[in-house]
Amino acid sequence: DGLSDLVPDAMIAELLRTEDPQSTAA
């Protein structure tokens, strides 16, 4: 919840567009 409490789902979805999983997680 350190991520989901602070970053809205819409922004999470946008950031998940990054292709590389490691870069996305970072």
mmCIF file of all heavy atoms, coordinates in Angstrom:
data_MODEL
# 
_entry.id   MODEL 
# 
loop_
_atom_site.group_PDB 
_atom_site.id 
_atom_site.type_symbol 
_atom_site.label_atom_id 
_atom_site.label_alt_id 
_atom_site.label_comp_id 
_atom_site.label_asym_id 
_atom_site.label_entity_id 
_atom_site.label_seq_id 
_atom_site.pdbx_PDB_ins_code 
_atom_site.Cartn_x 
_atom_site.Cartn_y 
_atom_site.Cartn_z 
_atom_site.occupancy 
_atom_site.B_iso_or_equiv 
_atom_site.pdbx_formal_charge 
_atom_site.auth_seq_id 
_atom_site.auth_comp_id 
_atom_site.auth_asym_id 
_atom_site.auth_atom_id 
_atom_site.pdbx_PDB_model_num 
ATOM 1   N N   . ASP A 1 1  ? 0.818  -1.218 0.000   1.00 0.00 ? 1  ASP A N   1 
ATOM 2   C CA  . ASP A 1 1  ? 0.000  0.000  0.000   1.00 0.00 ? 1  ASP A CA  1 
ATOM 3   C C   . ASP A 1 1  ? 0.845  1.259  0.000   1.00 0.00 ? 1  ASP A C   1 
ATOM 4   O O   . ASP A 1 1  ? 0.322  2.358  -0.182  1.00 0.00 ? 1  ASP A O   1 
ATOM 5   C CB  . ASP A 1 1  ? -0.995 -0.002 1.161   1.00 0.00 ? 1  ASP A CB  1 
ATOM 6   C CG  . ASP A 1 1  ? -0.327 0.054  2.525   1.00 0.00 ? 1  ASP A CG  1 
ATOM 7   O OD1 . ASP A 1 1  ? 0.898  -0.180 2.623   1.00 0.00 ? 1  ASP A OD1 1 
ATOM 8   O OD2 . ASP A 1 1  ? -1.039 0.313  3.521   1.00 0.00 ? 1  ASP A OD2 1 
ATOM 9   N N   . GLY A 1 2  ? 2.160  1.111  0.185   1.00 0.00 ? 2  GLY A N   1 
ATOM 10  C CA  . GLY A 1 2  ? 3.036  2.268  0.043   1.00 0.00 ? 2  GLY A CA  1 
ATOM 11  C C   . GLY A 1 2  ? 3.017  2.827  -1.366  1.00 0.00 ? 2  GLY A C   1 
ATOM 12  O O   . GLY A 1 2  ? 3.313  4.017  -1.575  1.00 0.00 ? 2  GLY A O   1 
ATOM 13  N N   . LEU A 1 3  ? 2.656  2.000  -2.335  1.00 0.00 ? 3  LEU A N   1 
ATOM 14  C CA  . LEU A 1 3  ? 2.447  2.478  -3.704  1.00 0.00 ? 3  LEU A CA  1 
ATOM 15  C C   . LEU A 1 3  ? 0.988  2.851  -3.946  1.00 0.00 ? 3  LEU A C   1 
ATOM 16  O O   . LEU A 1 3  ? 0.681  3.974  -4.350  1.00 0.00 ? 3  LEU A O   1 
ATOM 17  C CB  . LEU A 1 3  ? 2.876  1.413  -4.713  1.00 0.00 ? 3  LEU A CB  1 
ATOM 18  C CG  . LEU A 1 3  ? 2.588  1.754  -6.187  1.00 0.00 ? 3  LEU A CG  1 
ATOM 19  C CD1 . LEU A 1 3  ? 3.438  2.926  -6.643  1.00 0.00 ? 3  LEU A CD1 1 
ATOM 20  C CD2 . LEU A 1 3  ? 2.818  0.540  -7.083  1.00 0.00 ? 3  LEU A CD2 1 
ATOM 21  N N   . SER A 1 4  ? 0.074  1.920  -3.670  1.00 0.00 ? 4  SER A N   1 
ATOM 22  C CA  . SER A 1 4  ? -1.324 2.128  -4.065  1.00 0.00 ? 4  SER A CA  1 
ATOM 23  C C   . SER A 1 4  ? -2.017 3.230  -3.275  1.00 0.00 ? 4  SER A C   1 
ATOM 24  O O   . SER A 1 4  ? -2.974 3.832  -3.767  1.00 0.00 ? 4  SER A O   1 
ATOM 25  C CB  . SER A 1 4  ? -2.109 0.817  -3.930  1.00 0.00 ? 4  SER A CB  1 
ATOM 26  O OG  . SER A 1 4  ? -2.038 0.305  -2.614  1.00 0.00 ? 4  SER A OG  1 
ATOM 27  N N   . ASP A 1 5  ? -1.551 3.520  -2.049  1.00 0.00 ? 5  ASP A N   1 
ATOM 28  C CA  . ASP A 1 5  ? -2.157 4.611  -1.280  1.00 0.00 ? 5  ASP A CA  1 
ATOM 29  C C   . ASP A 1 5  ? -1.806 5.982  -1.836  1.00 0.00 ? 5  ASP A C   1 
ATOM 30  O O   . ASP A 1 5  ? -2.567 6.938  -1.655  1.00 0.00 ? 5  ASP A O   1 
ATOM 31  C CB  . ASP A 1 5  ? -1.708 4.547  0.185   1.00 0.00 ? 5  ASP A CB  1 
ATOM 32  C CG  . ASP A 1 5  ? -2.583 3.635  1.024   1.00 0.00 ? 5  ASP A CG  1 
ATOM 33  O OD1 . ASP A 1 5  ? -3.545 3.053  0.477   1.00 0.00 ? 5  ASP A OD1 1 
ATOM 34  O OD2 . ASP A 1 5  ? -2.302 3.494  2.227   1.00 0.00 ? 5  ASP A OD2 1 
ATOM 35  N N   . LEU A 1 6  ? -0.642 6.079  -2.483  1.00 0.00 ? 6  LEU A N   1 
ATOM 36  C CA  . LEU A 1 6  ? -0.146 7.388  -2.900  1.00 0.00 ? 6  LEU A CA  1 
ATOM 37  C C   . LEU A 1 6  ? -0.252 7.640  -4.397  1.00 0.00 ? 6  LEU A C   1 
ATOM 38  O O   . LEU A 1 6  ? -0.314 8.795  -4.833  1.00 0.00 ? 6  LEU A O   1 
ATOM 39  C CB  . LEU A 1 6  ? 1.318  7.549  -2.474  1.00 0.00 ? 6  LEU A CB  1 
ATOM 40  C CG  . LEU A 1 6  ? 1.588  7.592  -0.963  1.00 0.00 ? 6  LEU A CG  1 
ATOM 41  C CD1 . LEU A 1 6  ? 3.072  7.771  -0.707  1.00 0.00 ? 6  LEU A CD1 1 
ATOM 42  C CD2 . LEU A 1 6  ? 0.801  8.709  -0.300  1.00 0.00 ? 6  LEU A CD2 1 
ATOM 43  N N   . VAL A 1 7  ? -0.258 6.597  -5.181  1.00 0.00 ? 7  VAL A N   1 
ATOM 44  C CA  . VAL A 1 7  ? -0.273 6.754  -6.637  1.00 0.00 ? 7  VAL A CA  1 
ATOM 45  C C   . VAL A 1 7  ? -1.620 6.265  -7.161  1.00 0.00 ? 7  VAL A C   1 
ATOM 46  O O   . VAL A 1 7  ? -1.963 5.093  -7.021  1.00 0.00 ? 7  VAL A O   1 
ATOM 47  C CB  . VAL A 1 7  ? 0.873  5.958  -7.291  1.00 0.00 ? 7  VAL A CB  1 
ATOM 48  C CG1 . VAL A 1 7  ? 0.887  6.195  -8.800  1.00 0.00 ? 7  VAL A CG1 1 
ATOM 49  C CG2 . VAL A 1 7  ? 2.214  6.360  -6.675  1.00 0.00 ? 7  VAL A CG2 1 
ATOM 50  N N   . PRO A 1 8  ? -2.420 7.148  -7.752  1.00 0.00 ? 8  PRO A N   1 
ATOM 51  C CA  . PRO A 1 8  ? -3.747 6.756  -8.236  1.00 0.00 ? 8  PRO A CA  1 
ATOM 52  C C   . PRO A 1 8  ? -3.664 5.686  -9.318  1.00 0.00 ? 8  PRO A C   1 
ATOM 53  O O   . PRO A 1 8  ? -2.664 5.568  -10.038 1.00 0.00 ? 8  PRO A O   1 
ATOM 54  C CB  . PRO A 1 8  ? -4.318 8.066  -8.800  1.00 0.00 ? 8  PRO A CB  1 
ATOM 55  C CG  . PRO A 1 8  ? -3.505 9.154  -8.176  1.00 0.00 ? 8  PRO A CG  1 
ATOM 56  C CD  . PRO A 1 8  ? -2.144 8.585  -7.955  1.00 0.00 ? 8  PRO A CD  1 
ATOM 57  N N   . ASP A 1 9  ? -4.738 4.912  -9.430  1.00 0.00 ? 9  ASP A N   1 
ATOM 58  C CA  . ASP A 1 9  ? -4.762 3.835  -10.418 1.00 0.00 ? 9  ASP A CA  1 
ATOM 59  C C   . ASP A 1 9  ? -4.519 4.349  -11.831 1.00 0.00 ? 9  ASP A C   1 
ATOM 60  O O   . ASP A 1 9  ? -3.870 3.669  -12.637 1.00 0.00 ? 9  ASP A O   1 
ATOM 61  C CB  . ASP A 1 9  ? -6.105 3.104  -10.362 1.00 0.00 ? 9  ASP A CB  1 
ATOM 62  C CG  . ASP A 1 9  ? -6.213 2.183  -9.152  1.00 0.00 ? 9  ASP A CG  1 
ATOM 63  O OD1 . ASP A 1 9  ? -5.252 2.143  -8.347  1.00 0.00 ? 9  ASP A OD1 1 
ATOM 64  O OD2 . ASP A 1 9  ? -7.244 1.503  -9.018  1.00 0.00 ? 9  ASP A OD2 1 
ATOM 65  N N   . ALA A 1 10 ? -5.036 5.531  -12.139 1.00 0.00 ? 10 ALA A N   1 
ATOM 66  C CA  . ALA A 1 10 ? -4.849 6.070  -13.491 1.00 0.00 ? 10 ALA A CA  1 
ATOM 67  C C   . ALA A 1 10 ? -3.375 6.298  -13.793 1.00 0.00 ? 10 ALA A C   1 
ATOM 68  O O   . ALA A 1 10 ? -2.901 6.028  -14.906 1.00 0.00 ? 10 ALA A O   1 
ATOM 69  C CB  . ALA A 1 10 ? -5.638 7.365  -13.650 1.00 0.00 ? 10 ALA A CB  1 
ATOM 70  N N   . MET A 1 11 ? -2.626 6.778  -12.801 1.00 0.00 ? 11 MET A N   1 
ATOM 71  C CA  . MET A 1 11 ? -1.191 6.990  -13.006 1.00 0.00 ? 11 MET A CA  1 
ATOM 72  C C   . MET A 1 11 ? -0.454 5.652  -13.049 1.00 0.00 ? 11 MET A C   1 
ATOM 73  O O   . MET A 1 11 ? 0.481  5.478  -13.846 1.00 0.00 ? 11 MET A O   1 
ATOM 74  C CB  . MET A 1 11 ? -0.613 7.872  -11.904 1.00 0.00 ? 11 MET A CB  1 
ATOM 75  C CG  . MET A 1 11 ? 0.870  8.155  -12.074 1.00 0.00 ? 11 MET A CG  1 
ATOM 76  S SD  . MET A 1 11 ? 1.535  9.283  -10.824 1.00 0.00 ? 11 MET A SD  1 
ATOM 77  C CE  . MET A 1 11 ? 0.694  10.796 -11.301 1.00 0.00 ? 11 MET A CE  1 
ATOM 78  N N   . ILE A 1 12 ? -0.863 4.703  -12.211 1.00 0.00 ? 12 ILE A N   1 
ATOM 79  C CA  . ILE A 1 12 ? -0.252 3.373  -12.267 1.00 0.00 ? 12 ILE A CA  1 
ATOM 80  C C   . ILE A 1 12 ? -0.415 2.783  -13.659 1.00 0.00 ? 12 ILE A C   1 
ATOM 81  O O   . ILE A 1 12 ? 0.529  2.225  -14.241 1.00 0.00 ? 12 ILE A O   1 
ATOM 82  C CB  . ILE A 1 12 ? -0.875 2.448  -11.203 1.00 0.00 ? 12 ILE A CB  1 
ATOM 83  C CG1 . ILE A 1 12 ? -0.442 2.884  -9.804  1.00 0.00 ? 12 ILE A CG1 1 
ATOM 84  C CG2 . ILE A 1 12 ? -0.474 0.994  -11.447 1.00 0.00 ? 12 ILE A CG2 1 
ATOM 85  C CD1 . ILE A 1 12 ? -1.091 2.095  -8.678  1.00 0.00 ? 12 ILE A CD1 1 
ATOM 86  N N   . ALA A 1 13 ? -1.619 2.891  -14.220 1.00 0.00 ? 13 ALA A N   1 
ATOM 87  C CA  . ALA A 1 13 ? -1.870 2.364  -15.563 1.00 0.00 ? 13 ALA A CA  1 
ATOM 88  C C   . ALA A 1 13 ? -0.970 3.040  -16.592 1.00 0.00 ? 13 ALA A C   1 
ATOM 89  O O   . ALA A 1 13 ? -0.426 2.373  -17.488 1.00 0.00 ? 13 ALA A O   1 
ATOM 90  C CB  . ALA A 1 13 ? -3.338 2.553  -15.929 1.00 0.00 ? 13 ALA A CB  1 
ATOM 91  N N   . GLU A 1 14 ? -0.801 4.339  -16.476 1.00 0.00 ? 14 GLU A N   1 
ATOM 92  C CA  . GLU A 1 14 ? 0.047  5.063  -17.425 1.00 0.00 ? 14 GLU A CA  1 
ATOM 93  C C   . GLU A 1 14 ? 1.497  4.603  -17.316 1.00 0.00 ? 14 GLU A C   1 
ATOM 94  O O   . GLU A 1 14 ? 2.176  4.373  -18.333 1.00 0.00 ? 14 GLU A O   1 
ATOM 95  C CB  . GLU A 1 14 ? -0.047 6.563  -17.150 1.00 0.00 ? 14 GLU A CB  1 
ATOM 96  C CG  . GLU A 1 14 ? 0.783  7.429  -18.068 1.00 0.00 ? 14 GLU A CG  1 
ATOM 97  C CD  . GLU A 1 14 ? 0.330  7.401  -19.524 1.00 0.00 ? 14 GLU A CD  1 
ATOM 98  O OE1 . GLU A 1 14 ? -0.861 7.107  -19.768 1.00 0.00 ? 14 GLU A OE1 1 
ATOM 99  O OE2 . GLU A 1 14 ? 1.177  7.658  -20.413 1.00 0.00 ? 14 GLU A OE2 1 
ATOM 100 N N   . LEU A 1 15 ? 1.984  4.412  -16.092 1.00 0.00 ? 15 LEU A N   1 
ATOM 101 C CA  . LEU A 1 15 ? 3.379  4.006  -15.903 1.00 0.00 ? 15 LEU A CA  1 
ATOM 102 C C   . LEU A 1 15 ? 3.616  2.563  -16.321 1.00 0.00 ? 15 LEU A C   1 
ATOM 103 O O   . LEU A 1 15 ? 4.740  2.200  -16.698 1.00 0.00 ? 15 LEU A O   1 
ATOM 104 C CB  . LEU A 1 15 ? 3.774  4.210  -14.440 1.00 0.00 ? 15 LEU A CB  1 
ATOM 105 C CG  . LEU A 1 15 ? 3.753  5.668  -13.954 1.00 0.00 ? 15 LEU A CG  1 
ATOM 106 C CD1 . LEU A 1 15 ? 4.071  5.745  -12.467 1.00 0.00 ? 15 LEU A CD1 1 
ATOM 107 C CD2 . LEU A 1 15 ? 4.722  6.523  -14.753 1.00 0.00 ? 15 LEU A CD2 1 
ATOM 108 N N   . LEU A 1 16 ? 2.584  1.735  -16.266 1.00 0.00 ? 16 LEU A N   1 
ATOM 109 C CA  . LEU A 1 16 ? 2.737  0.337  -16.680 1.00 0.00 ? 16 LEU A CA  1 
ATOM 110 C C   . LEU A 1 16 ? 2.905  0.188  -18.188 1.00 0.00 ? 16 LEU A C   1 
ATOM 111 O O   . LEU A 1 16 ? 3.163  -0.923 -18.667 1.00 0.00 ? 16 LEU A O   1 
ATOM 112 C CB  . LEU A 1 16 ? 1.534  -0.479 -16.211 1.00 0.00 ? 16 LEU A CB  1 
ATOM 113 C CG  . LEU A 1 16 ? 1.529  -0.847 -14.715 1.00 0.00 ? 16 LEU A CG  1 
ATOM 114 C CD1 . LEU A 1 16 ? 0.195  -1.455 -14.316 1.00 0.00 ? 16 LEU A CD1 1 
ATOM 115 C CD2 . LEU A 1 16 ? 2.669  -1.807 -14.377 1.00 0.00 ? 16 LEU A CD2 1 
ATOM 116 N N   . ARG A 1 17 ? 2.785  1.267  -18.913 1.00 0.00 ? 17 ARG A N   1 
ATOM 117 C CA  . ARG A 1 17 ? 3.017  1.210  -20.355 1.00 0.00 ? 17 ARG A CA  1 
ATOM 118 C C   . ARG A 1 17 ? 4.494  1.046  -20.679 1.00 0.00 ? 17 ARG A C   1 
ATOM 119 O O   . ARG A 1 17 ? 4.844  0.631  -21.788 1.00 0.00 ? 17 ARG A O   1 
ATOM 120 C CB  . ARG A 1 17 ? 2.484  2.478  -21.019 1.00 0.00 ? 17 ARG A CB  1 
ATOM 121 C CG  . ARG A 1 17 ? 0.973  2.646  -20.915 1.00 0.00 ? 17 ARG A CG  1 
ATOM 122 C CD  . ARG A 1 17 ? 0.506  3.962  -21.499 1.00 0.00 ? 17 ARG A CD  1 
ATOM 123 N NE  . ARG A 1 17 ? 0.873  4.090  -22.905 1.00 0.00 ? 17 ARG A NE  1 
ATOM 124 C CZ  . ARG A 1 17 ? 0.651  5.187  -23.635 1.00 0.00 ? 17 ARG A CZ  1 
ATOM 125 N NH1 . ARG A 1 17 ? 0.081  6.250  -23.078 1.00 0.00 ? 17 ARG A NH1 1 
ATOM 126 N NH2 . ARG A 1 17 ? 0.992  5.219  -24.902 1.00 0.00 ? 17 ARG A NH2 1 
ATOM 127 N N   . THR A 1 18 ? 5.375  1.362  -19.730 1.00 0.00 ? 18 THR A N   1 
ATOM 128 C CA  . THR A 1 18 ? 6.810  1.184  -19.951 1.00 0.00 ? 18 THR A CA  1 
ATOM 129 C C   . THR A 1 18 ? 7.106  -0.283 -20.234 1.00 0.00 ? 18 THR A C   1 
ATOM 130 O O   . THR A 1 18 ? 6.606  -1.173 -19.540 1.00 0.00 ? 18 THR A O   1 
ATOM 131 C CB  . THR A 1 18 ? 7.604  1.647  -18.715 1.00 0.00 ? 18 THR A CB  1 
ATOM 132 O OG1 . THR A 1 18 ? 7.252  3.001  -18.411 1.00 0.00 ? 18 THR A OG1 1 
ATOM 133 C CG2 . THR A 1 18 ? 9.095  1.552  -18.962 1.00 0.00 ? 18 THR A CG2 1 
ATOM 134 N N   . GLU A 1 19 ? 7.919  -0.555 -21.238 1.00 0.00 ? 19 GLU A N   1 
ATOM 135 C CA  . GLU A 1 19 ? 8.069  -1.930 -21.714 1.00 0.00 ? 19 GLU A CA  1 
ATOM 136 C C   . GLU A 1 19 ? 8.844  -2.815 -20.757 1.00 0.00 ? 19 GLU A C   1 
ATOM 137 O O   . GLU A 1 19 ? 8.434  -3.938 -20.463 1.00 0.00 ? 19 GLU A O   1 
ATOM 138 C CB  . GLU A 1 19 ? 8.750  -1.928 -23.086 1.00 0.00 ? 19 GLU A CB  1 
ATOM 139 C CG  . GLU A 1 19 ? 8.857  -3.315 -23.698 1.00 0.00 ? 19 GLU A CG  1 
ATOM 140 C CD  . GLU A 1 19 ? 9.375  -3.270 -25.124 1.00 0.00 ? 19 GLU A CD  1 
ATOM 141 O OE1 . GLU A 1 19 ? 9.483  -2.171 -25.695 1.00 0.00 ? 19 GLU A OE1 1 
ATOM 142 O OE2 . GLU A 1 19 ? 9.683  -4.352 -25.655 1.00 0.00 ? 19 GLU A OE2 1 
ATOM 143 N N   . ASP A 1 20 ? 9.963  -2.362 -20.238 1.00 0.00 ? 20 ASP A N   1 
ATOM 144 C CA  . ASP A 1 20 ? 10.831 -3.206 -19.422 1.00 0.00 ? 20 ASP A CA  1 
ATOM 145 C C   . ASP A 1 20 ? 10.300 -3.305 -17.993 1.00 0.00 ? 20 ASP A C   1 
ATOM 146 O O   . ASP A 1 20 ? 10.065 -2.279 -17.339 1.00 0.00 ? 20 ASP A O   1 
ATOM 147 C CB  . ASP A 1 20 ? 12.241 -2.618 -19.404 1.00 0.00 ? 20 ASP A CB  1 
ATOM 148 C CG  . ASP A 1 20 ? 13.163 -3.369 -18.472 1.00 0.00 ? 20 ASP A CG  1 
ATOM 149 O OD1 . ASP A 1 20 ? 13.368 -4.568 -18.690 1.00 0.00 ? 20 ASP A OD1 1 
ATOM 150 O OD2 . ASP A 1 20 ? 13.656 -2.744 -17.504 1.00 0.00 ? 20 ASP A OD2 1 
ATOM 151 N N   . PRO A 1 21 ? 10.108 -4.522 -17.450 1.00 0.00 ? 21 PRO A N   1 
ATOM 152 C CA  . PRO A 1 21 ? 9.556  -4.648 -16.092 1.00 0.00 ? 21 PRO A CA  1 
ATOM 153 C C   . PRO A 1 21 ? 10.396 -3.958 -15.019 1.00 0.00 ? 21 PRO A C   1 
ATOM 154 O O   . PRO A 1 21 ? 9.846  -3.344 -14.104 1.00 0.00 ? 21 PRO A O   1 
ATOM 155 C CB  . PRO A 1 21 ? 9.505  -6.168 -15.877 1.00 0.00 ? 21 PRO A CB  1 
ATOM 156 C CG  . PRO A 1 21 ? 9.414  -6.747 -17.241 1.00 0.00 ? 21 PRO A CG  1 
ATOM 157 C CD  . PRO A 1 21 ? 10.232 -5.836 -18.110 1.00 0.00 ? 21 PRO A CD  1 
ATOM 158 N N   . GLN A 1 22 ? 11.722 -4.070 -15.095 1.00 0.00 ? 22 GLN A N   1 
ATOM 159 C CA  . GLN A 1 22 ? 12.565 -3.435 -14.075 1.00 0.00 ? 22 GLN A CA  1 
ATOM 160 C C   . GLN A 1 22 ? 12.421 -1.916 -14.113 1.00 0.00 ? 22 GLN A C   1 
ATOM 161 O O   . GLN A 1 22 ? 12.296 -1.264 -13.070 1.00 0.00 ? 22 GLN A O   1 
ATOM 162 C CB  . GLN A 1 22 ? 14.026 -3.830 -14.264 1.00 0.00 ? 22 GLN A CB  1 
ATOM 163 C CG  . GLN A 1 22 ? 14.954 -3.282 -13.179 1.00 0.00 ? 22 GLN A CG  1 
ATOM 164 C CD  . GLN A 1 22 ? 14.672 -3.866 -11.819 1.00 0.00 ? 22 GLN A CD  1 
ATOM 165 O OE1 . GLN A 1 22 ? 14.754 -5.059 -11.602 1.00 0.00 ? 22 GLN A OE1 1 
ATOM 166 N NE2 . GLN A 1 22 ? 14.343 -3.009 -10.852 1.00 0.00 ? 22 GLN A NE2 1 
ATOM 167 N N   . SER A 1 23 ? 12.435 -1.354 -15.311 1.00 0.00 ? 23 SER A N   1 
ATOM 168 C CA  . SER A 1 23 ? 12.257 0.095  -15.438 1.00 0.00 ? 23 SER A CA  1 
ATOM 169 C C   . SER A 1 23 ? 10.878 0.514  -14.954 1.00 0.00 ? 23 SER A C   1 
ATOM 170 O O   . SER A 1 23 ? 10.708 1.557  -14.313 1.00 0.00 ? 23 SER A O   1 
ATOM 171 C CB  . SER A 1 23 ? 12.456 0.519  -16.892 1.00 0.00 ? 23 SER A CB  1 
ATOM 172 O OG  . SER A 1 23 ? 13.764 0.232  -17.327 1.00 0.00 ? 23 SER A OG  1 
ATOM 173 N N   . THR A 1 24 ? 9.884  -0.310 -15.249 1.00 0.00 ? 24 THR A N   1 
ATOM 174 C CA  . THR A 1 24 ? 8.524  0.004  -14.817 1.00 0.00 ? 24 THR A CA  1 
ATOM 175 C C   . THR A 1 24 ? 8.430  0.007  -13.298 1.00 0.00 ? 24 THR A C   1 
ATOM 176 O O   . THR A 1 24 ? 7.846  0.922  -12.690 1.00 0.00 ? 24 THR A O   1 
ATOM 177 C CB  . THR A 1 24 ? 7.525  -1.004 -15.391 1.00 0.00 ? 24 THR A CB  1 
ATOM 178 O OG1 . THR A 1 24 ? 7.642  -1.044 -16.806 1.00 0.00 ? 24 THR A OG1 1 
ATOM 179 C CG2 . THR A 1 24 ? 6.104  -0.635 -15.019 1.00 0.00 ? 24 THR A CG2 1 
ATOM 180 N N   . ALA A 1 25 ? 8.971  -1.014 -12.655 1.00 0.00 ? 25 ALA A N   1 
ATOM 181 C CA  . ALA A 1 25 ? 8.931  -1.082 -11.192 1.00 0.00 ? 25 ALA A CA  1 
ATOM 182 C C   . ALA A 1 25 ? 9.650  0.113  -10.577 1.00 0.00 ? 25 ALA A C   1 
ATOM 183 O O   . ALA A 1 25 ? 9.171  0.708  -9.601  1.00 0.00 ? 25 ALA A O   1 
ATOM 184 C CB  . ALA A 1 25 ? 9.560  -2.387 -10.717 1.00 0.00 ? 25 ALA A CB  1 
ATOM 185 N N   . ALA A 1 26 ? 10.785 0.480  -11.146 1.00 0.00 ? 26 ALA A N   1 
ATOM 186 C CA  . ALA A 1 26 ? 11.526 1.624  -10.628 1.00 0.00 ? 26 ALA A CA  1 
ATOM 187 C C   . ALA A 1 26 ? 10.743 2.922  -10.804 1.00 0.00 ? 26 ALA A C   1 
ATOM 188 O O   . ALA A 1 26 ? 10.719 3.778  -9.908  1.00 0.00 ? 26 ALA A O   1 
ATOM 189 C CB  . ALA A 1 26 ? 12.881 1.730  -11.328 1.00 0.00 ? 26 ALA A CB  1 
# 
